[in-house]
Structures are given as C-alpha cells and as structure tokens.
Amino acid sequence: MPRYLVLANQTAASPELTSVIREIVTNDADTEFVLLVPATPVEDLLDWQEGDNETIAERTAQTAKDHLMGVGAKVARTEVGDASPVKAIENELENHQETYDGIVISTLPLQRSRWVALDQPRRIERRFKVPVRHVVGHSVTMSREDLINGLNEDLNLELEALLRSVYHAAAGRGMLGHELRELLKKELPSELDHATFLADKIVALGGEVRIRPAMPAEVAAARELLQQNIAAERKIMVRVLEMFKGLGNVVVLTGDEHQNWAGEVRRDRGRGEAVAAEFVVTSIASGGDDEV
C-alpha cells in the first residue's frame, strides 16, 4: 500500500494540507501516513503556547492526527522530531527503516516560514531522493498589518486579565479573598510571560506596541467577580473564533456553575451573530447532574 511521510508543525491541521491528504486518499483509500512534527523552538512559533518545544510538538501532532483521521486518512503513527526538518527526516528514516512513496511538506508562506527561506523542501527532495510535495498553509497567516493589530488586541486582553486579577485579589474578603489570592499567585506569572511574549512579537515584526487595556469594573459582591471573569472568557473565545473563521459547529463546555443551561456565544458583547453553542453544567459536587 502507498505510504507517505507528512512533515508539518504550525500548518499540520490547515485546510490546504487537509485538501492534499484528501486528494491522496481519494486516489488510494489504503494509503497510510506517518506524521512527523519537528520540535520548533517556542520563540519561532506564530502564537503563544504553554509548554516546551517537545510538549507543544506532541500536542500539535495529536491534534493533527485526530483531524486527519476525521477526514478519512489512515495515520499509522506520529513522531516528534528534531527542530531541523532535514535532521528530523534523517532520524525518522534511520530509526524506523521504512520507505515512503513521497514526502508531503506543509509550511507557512515564504514571509513567515523559516523552512521555505532555507529552501528546505528542495533540499529534502535532493538529499533523500523521494518525491516531495510542498503545501503552503496560507489560511493560518494574515497580512503583517493585520497580524500586528491582532497581536496588540491579544496583548491588551492579556493585560486586562492581569489588572482584573490584581483587583479581584484585593477586592476579595475573608476566606474567599485568601483563596483567590493564592490562586492568582500561581496564575499571574504565566499571564505576564504571555504578555511579554506578545509585545516582543509585535516589536520583532516592526510594529508599535499599543497599551490600551480596559479597566476592570468595580464589584460590590463576590458573585460579581465570577460574572466579570465569565464575560472576559467569552470575549477571548469570540476573539479566538474570529481568528479561525473556517470552524463550524463550535461547542463550548462550561463547568462548576452550580446550574445547567444551554445558550450561545455571540459577537459584539452578546448582540451580534452566534459563533458557538454553549452548554453550562454543574460541578461534580453539585446536585442535578443527571438533569443535564
């Protein structure tokens, strides 16, 4: 049966790569794929992700595998490889002693791709004497100006979260306030790291960092803290869905609300079109779980 090695990272679940995989499967449904994801350094990624190089690559590989199998591809296995695409393929061939009918390499566009800038697709074909098909994931990128604007929006959302956390920690009273402060002590460093990462990306792209976060609203009761945080999370969800407009049938699951209900996540602070369905459920310790 035909067997292909697929080399991809940030475009591993892109529509462009999916289309090529579907085309190959249409020609021969028995085709098998091995997905190889180089452990790209965190600082070279387009967006912030938690974890080190290998952890992120493993997560990417699993997500892409699930996606490709969902469109009918037979993914025999996934591997995380060296950050260098050439070295990653070399190790794969040495370690598994398998032959491939072709290699599919999926990259970002030239302006964003280190792999393309270093002419990796052609170098790989010449070195390993295997036909290479180069797929460009245009859909996962945007113009430089749009990218900078989006990063600034994300930066201000992150700063809003920092300000809101500090205010909520100060506004909490009694046992609630103590537990909240302890929780925030653990969360704030990662929030600050993310904000710094975003600011560095903006500068690296030649953009201007624009600091304009919305100030947290005053609260009179502990219940309002939760309501503010839920509203903020919805704002971030809408922002993420705007970035991936091709997604359909998005479902958001919310837990630990001590109540059950279904609703919609909408743009424009709840007044615009629906972008996802939301199901809210109780916590494990609450009653009424059987009513969901």
Protein backbone atom coordinates (compact mmCIF):
# COMPACT_ATOMS: atom_id res chain seq x y z
CA MET A 1 0.00 0.00 0.00
CA PRO A 2 1.19 3.59 -0.60
CA ARG A 3 2.88 5.27 2.36
CA TYR A 4 3.62 8.98 2.80
CA LEU A 5 5.63 10.91 5.33
CA VAL A 6 3.93 14.19 6.26
CA LEU A 7 6.19 16.89 7.71
CA ALA A 8 4.32 19.76 9.34
CA ASN A 9 4.03 21.80 12.51
CA GLN A 10 2.05 25.04 12.62
CA THR A 11 0.12 24.12 9.46
CA ALA A 12 -0.48 20.47 10.40
CA ALA A 13 -4.27 20.95 10.58
CA SER A 14 -4.55 23.62 7.87
CA PRO A 15 -7.23 23.39 5.14
CA GLU A 16 -4.50 23.34 2.48
CA LEU A 17 -2.78 20.25 3.91
CA THR A 18 -6.14 18.60 4.59
CA SER A 19 -7.10 19.09 0.94
CA VAL A 20 -3.90 17.41 -0.28
CA ILE A 21 -4.32 14.48 2.12
CA ARG A 22 -7.92 14.02 0.93
CA GLU A 23 -6.73 14.03 -2.67
CA ILE A 24 -4.17 11.30 -1.95
CA VAL A 25 -6.75 9.21 -0.07
CA THR A 26 -9.24 9.62 -2.94
CA ASN A 27 -6.69 8.14 -5.33
CA ASP A 28 -5.99 5.21 -3.00
CA ALA A 29 -8.03 4.69 0.17
CA ASP A 30 -5.42 2.28 1.57
CA THR A 31 -2.72 4.95 1.74
CA GLU A 32 -1.03 5.26 5.13
CA PHE A 33 0.55 8.39 6.57
CA VAL A 34 3.23 8.99 9.17
CA LEU A 35 3.02 12.48 10.66
CA LEU A 36 6.38 13.96 11.65
CA VAL A 37 6.27 17.19 13.67
CA PRO A 38 9.62 18.97 14.21
CA ALA A 39 10.00 20.45 17.69
CA THR A 40 10.11 24.07 16.52
CA PRO A 41 11.53 26.44 19.17
CA VAL A 42 8.80 28.24 21.10
CA GLU A 43 10.17 31.66 20.11
CA ASP A 44 9.72 30.81 16.41
CA LEU A 45 6.02 29.95 16.71
CA LEU A 46 3.40 32.39 15.45
CA ASP A 47 1.35 32.23 18.62
CA TRP A 48 1.89 31.61 22.32
CA GLN A 49 1.50 28.06 23.60
CA GLU A 50 2.12 26.56 27.02
CA GLY A 51 4.97 24.09 27.37
CA ASP A 52 8.42 23.46 25.96
CA ASN A 53 9.29 22.67 22.33
CA GLU A 54 8.61 18.94 22.52
CA THR A 55 5.44 19.24 24.60
CA ILE A 56 3.95 21.68 22.08
CA ALA A 57 5.02 19.48 19.14
CA GLU A 58 3.43 16.40 20.77
CA ARG A 59 0.20 18.32 21.31
CA THR A 60 0.26 19.54 17.71
CA ALA A 61 0.87 16.01 16.44
CA GLN A 62 -2.06 14.56 18.38
CA THR A 63 -4.42 17.34 17.29
CA ALA A 64 -3.40 16.97 13.65
CA LYS A 65 -3.70 13.17 13.81
CA ASP A 66 -7.25 13.42 15.16
CA HIS A 67 -8.09 15.97 12.47
CA LEU A 68 -6.65 13.95 9.56
CA MET A 69 -8.24 10.71 10.74
CA GLY A 70 -11.50 12.61 10.94
CA VAL A 71 -11.33 13.29 7.18
CA GLY A 72 -10.62 9.65 6.36
CA ALA A 73 -6.81 9.43 6.43
CA LYS A 74 -5.06 6.41 7.94
CA VAL A 75 -2.41 7.86 10.23
CA ALA A 76 -0.17 4.94 11.19
CA ARG A 77 1.72 6.92 13.83
CA THR A 78 3.01 10.35 14.79
CA GLU A 79 6.54 11.34 15.71
CA VAL A 80 8.16 14.43 17.21
CA GLY A 81 11.46 15.17 15.52
CA ASP A 82 14.43 17.48 15.60
CA ALA A 83 13.75 21.19 15.09
CA SER A 84 15.62 20.94 11.76
CA PRO A 85 13.30 19.38 9.15
CA VAL A 86 16.24 17.70 7.38
CA LYS A 87 17.55 16.21 10.63
CA ALA A 88 14.05 15.16 11.67
CA ILE A 89 13.56 13.21 8.42
CA GLU A 90 17.05 11.73 8.61
CA ASN A 91 16.38 10.42 12.12
CA GLU A 92 12.97 9.09 11.11
CA LEU A 93 14.42 7.08 8.22
CA GLU A 94 17.30 5.76 10.32
CA ASN A 95 15.21 4.81 13.33
CA HIS A 96 12.34 3.09 11.51
CA GLN A 97 13.97 1.80 8.31
CA GLU A 98 10.81 2.45 6.31
CA THR A 99 10.41 3.51 2.67
CA TYR A 100 7.98 6.18 1.52
CA ASP A 101 6.31 6.82 -1.81
CA GLY A 102 6.53 10.53 -1.16
CA ILE A 103 7.01 13.26 1.41
CA VAL A 104 4.40 15.98 1.94
CA ILE A 105 5.89 19.11 3.48
CA SER A 106 3.47 21.72 4.80
CA THR A 107 4.84 25.18 5.59
CA LEU A 108 3.81 28.73 6.28
CA PRO A 109 4.08 31.22 3.39
CA LEU A 110 7.55 32.48 2.45
CA GLN A 111 7.27 35.67 4.53
CA ARG A 112 6.59 33.62 7.69
CA SER A 113 8.39 30.32 7.05
CA ARG A 114 11.97 29.64 8.11
CA TRP A 115 11.74 26.29 6.34
CA VAL A 116 10.94 27.90 2.98
CA ALA A 117 13.50 30.67 3.49
CA LEU A 118 16.15 27.95 3.91
CA ASP A 119 14.85 26.11 0.81
CA GLN A 120 14.13 23.02 2.89
CA PRO A 121 11.59 21.34 0.54
CA ARG A 122 14.02 21.19 -2.39
CA ARG A 123 16.96 20.26 -0.17
CA ILE A 124 14.96 17.38 1.30
CA GLU A 125 13.98 16.06 -2.15
CA ARG A 126 17.58 16.17 -3.39
CA ARG A 127 19.01 14.59 -0.26
CA PHE A 128 16.58 11.73 0.30
CA LYS A 129 15.71 11.01 -3.35
CA VAL A 130 11.99 10.88 -2.57
CA PRO A 131 9.31 12.93 -4.40
CA VAL A 132 8.36 15.96 -2.29
CA ARG A 133 5.07 17.80 -2.47
CA HIS A 134 5.19 21.26 -0.92
CA VAL A 135 1.95 22.61 0.54
CA VAL A 136 1.67 26.22 1.72
CA GLY A 137 -0.75 26.98 4.56
CA HIS A 138 -1.85 30.47 3.58
CA SER A 139 -5.02 30.25 5.68
CA VAL A 140 -3.17 30.19 9.02
CA THR A 141 -1.48 33.55 8.45
CA MET A 142 -2.55 37.08 7.69
CA SER A 143 -1.02 40.31 6.43
CA ARG A 144 1.74 41.88 8.51
CA GLU A 145 -0.50 44.80 9.48
CA ASP A 146 -3.39 42.53 10.44
CA LEU A 147 -1.01 40.31 12.40
CA ILE A 148 0.36 43.27 14.38
CA ASN A 149 -3.15 44.56 15.07
CA GLY A 150 -4.23 41.12 16.23
CA LEU A 151 -1.20 40.76 18.49
CA ASN A 152 -1.93 44.16 20.04
CA GLU A 153 -5.52 43.12 20.66
CA ASP A 154 -4.34 39.90 22.30
CA LEU A 155 -1.79 41.85 24.36
CA ASN A 156 -4.46 44.17 25.72
CA LEU A 157 -6.73 41.25 26.55
CA GLU A 158 -3.86 39.73 28.49
CA LEU A 159 -3.20 43.00 30.31
CA GLU A 160 -6.90 43.28 31.12
CA ALA A 161 -6.71 39.82 32.68
CA LEU A 162 -3.71 40.89 34.78
CA LEU A 163 -5.42 44.06 36.00
CA ARG A 164 -8.65 42.22 36.70
CA SER A 165 -6.79 39.55 38.67
CA VAL A 166 -4.98 42.09 40.83
CA TYR A 167 -8.22 43.99 41.52
CA HIS A 168 -10.19 40.84 42.32
CA ALA A 169 -7.49 39.64 44.69
CA ALA A 170 -7.66 42.97 46.52
CA ALA A 171 -11.48 43.10 46.49
CA GLY A 172 -11.94 39.60 47.91
CA ARG A 173 -12.66 39.39 51.61
CA GLY A 174 -12.37 36.66 54.22
CA MET A 175 -11.66 33.07 53.17
CA LEU A 176 -12.68 33.81 49.57
CA GLY A 177 -10.13 36.59 49.33
CA HIS A 178 -7.37 34.41 50.76
CA GLU A 179 -8.07 31.51 48.39
CA LEU A 180 -8.35 33.86 45.43
CA ARG A 181 -5.01 35.50 46.18
CA GLU A 182 -3.30 32.12 46.48
CA LEU A 183 -4.78 31.06 43.16
CA LEU A 184 -3.72 34.25 41.42
CA LYS A 185 -0.16 33.98 42.72
CA LYS A 186 0.14 30.83 40.62
CA GLU A 187 -1.60 32.25 37.54
CA LEU A 188 -0.14 35.75 37.27
CA PRO A 189 3.43 34.76 36.25
CA SER A 190 2.21 32.86 33.16
CA GLU A 191 -0.11 35.76 32.24
CA LEU A 192 2.82 38.17 32.47
CA ASP A 193 5.04 35.84 30.41
CA HIS A 194 2.38 35.70 27.70
CA ALA A 195 2.02 39.49 27.63
CA THR A 196 5.79 39.88 27.30
CA PHE A 197 5.86 37.28 24.51
CA LEU A 198 3.18 39.17 22.57
CA ALA A 199 4.94 42.52 23.00
CA ASP A 200 8.22 41.01 21.78
CA LYS A 201 6.47 39.57 18.70
CA ILE A 202 4.99 42.96 17.83
CA VAL A 203 8.40 44.63 18.03
CA ALA A 204 10.05 41.83 16.04
CA LEU A 205 7.52 42.42 13.24
CA GLY A 206 8.37 46.12 13.19
CA GLY A 207 5.13 47.16 14.82
CA GLU A 208 4.28 49.55 17.62
CA VAL A 209 3.12 48.19 20.97
CA ARG A 210 -0.21 49.84 21.85
CA ILE A 211 -1.14 49.59 25.54
CA ARG A 212 -4.87 50.32 25.88
CA PRO A 213 -6.43 47.76 28.22
CA ALA A 214 -9.95 48.25 29.55
CA MET A 215 -10.04 48.88 33.29
CA PRO A 216 -11.83 46.29 35.46
CA ALA A 217 -15.29 47.29 36.66
CA GLU A 218 -15.89 47.77 40.36
CA VAL A 219 -17.59 44.93 42.20
CA ALA A 220 -19.91 45.04 45.21
CA ALA A 221 -20.30 41.30 45.84
CA ALA A 222 -18.26 38.14 45.40
CA ARG A 223 -20.75 36.86 42.81
CA GLU A 224 -19.80 39.74 40.53
CA LEU A 225 -16.20 38.53 40.41
CA LEU A 226 -17.33 35.33 38.71
CA GLN A 227 -19.63 37.19 36.33
CA GLN A 228 -16.80 39.50 35.26
CA ASN A 229 -14.48 36.58 34.63
CA ILE A 230 -17.09 34.69 32.60
CA ALA A 231 -17.69 37.79 30.46
CA ALA A 232 -13.93 38.16 29.93
CA GLU A 233 -13.55 34.50 28.94
CA ARG A 234 -16.37 34.86 26.42
CA LYS A 235 -14.65 37.89 24.94
CA ILE A 236 -11.48 35.85 24.47
CA MET A 237 -13.44 32.94 22.96
CA VAL A 238 -15.03 35.25 20.39
CA ARG A 239 -11.58 36.65 19.59
CA VAL A 240 -10.17 33.15 19.01
CA LEU A 241 -13.13 32.17 16.83
CA GLU A 242 -12.60 35.32 14.77
CA MET A 243 -9.06 34.09 14.07
CA PHE A 244 -10.37 30.71 12.88
CA LYS A 245 -13.42 31.74 10.89
CA GLY A 246 -13.50 28.46 8.98
CA LEU A 247 -14.51 26.49 12.06
CA GLY A 248 -18.08 25.27 12.19
CA ASN A 249 -20.30 23.66 14.83
CA VAL A 250 -18.19 25.00 17.70
CA VAL A 251 -19.33 23.87 21.16
CA VAL A 252 -18.17 25.48 24.41
CA LEU A 253 -18.48 23.49 27.65
CA THR A 254 -18.57 25.43 30.91
CA GLY A 255 -18.47 23.71 34.29
CA ASP A 256 -18.67 24.37 38.02
CA GLU A 257 -21.55 26.83 37.69
CA HIS A 258 -23.98 25.05 40.06
CA GLN A 259 -26.62 25.24 37.37
CA ASN A 260 -27.50 23.73 33.98
CA TRP A 261 -28.43 25.61 30.85
CA ALA A 262 -27.68 25.97 27.16
CA GLY A 263 -27.07 29.16 25.23
CA GLU A 264 -24.96 30.81 22.55
CA VAL A 265 -21.71 32.75 22.45
CA ARG A 266 -22.28 35.85 20.32
CA ARG A 267 -20.14 38.62 18.86
CA ASP A 268 -20.42 42.28 19.85
CA ARG A 269 -20.94 41.66 23.57
CA GLY A 270 -23.81 39.27 23.02
CA ARG A 271 -25.67 41.38 20.45
CA GLY A 272 -24.12 40.01 17.26
CA GLU A 273 -24.34 36.70 15.43
CA ALA A 274 -23.79 33.44 17.26
CA VAL A 275 -20.31 31.91 16.87
CA ALA A 276 -20.69 28.89 19.15
CA ALA A 277 -23.17 26.90 21.22
CA GLU A 278 -22.53 26.86 24.97
CA PHE A 279 -23.53 24.18 27.45
CA VAL A 280 -23.19 25.02 31.13
CA VAL A 281 -23.13 22.19 33.66
CA THR A 282 -22.81 21.77 37.40
CA SER A 283 -19.69 20.79 39.27
CA ILE A 284 -19.21 17.17 40.31
CA ALA A 285 -20.09 18.07 43.90
CA SER A 286 -23.37 19.75 42.93
CA GLY A 287 -26.71 18.06 42.63
CA GLY A 288 -28.67 17.88 39.41
CA ASP A 289 -26.00 16.38 37.17
CA ASP A 290 -28.48 13.81 35.93
CA GLU A 291 -30.62 16.65 34.57
CA VAL A 292 -28.04 17.83 32.03
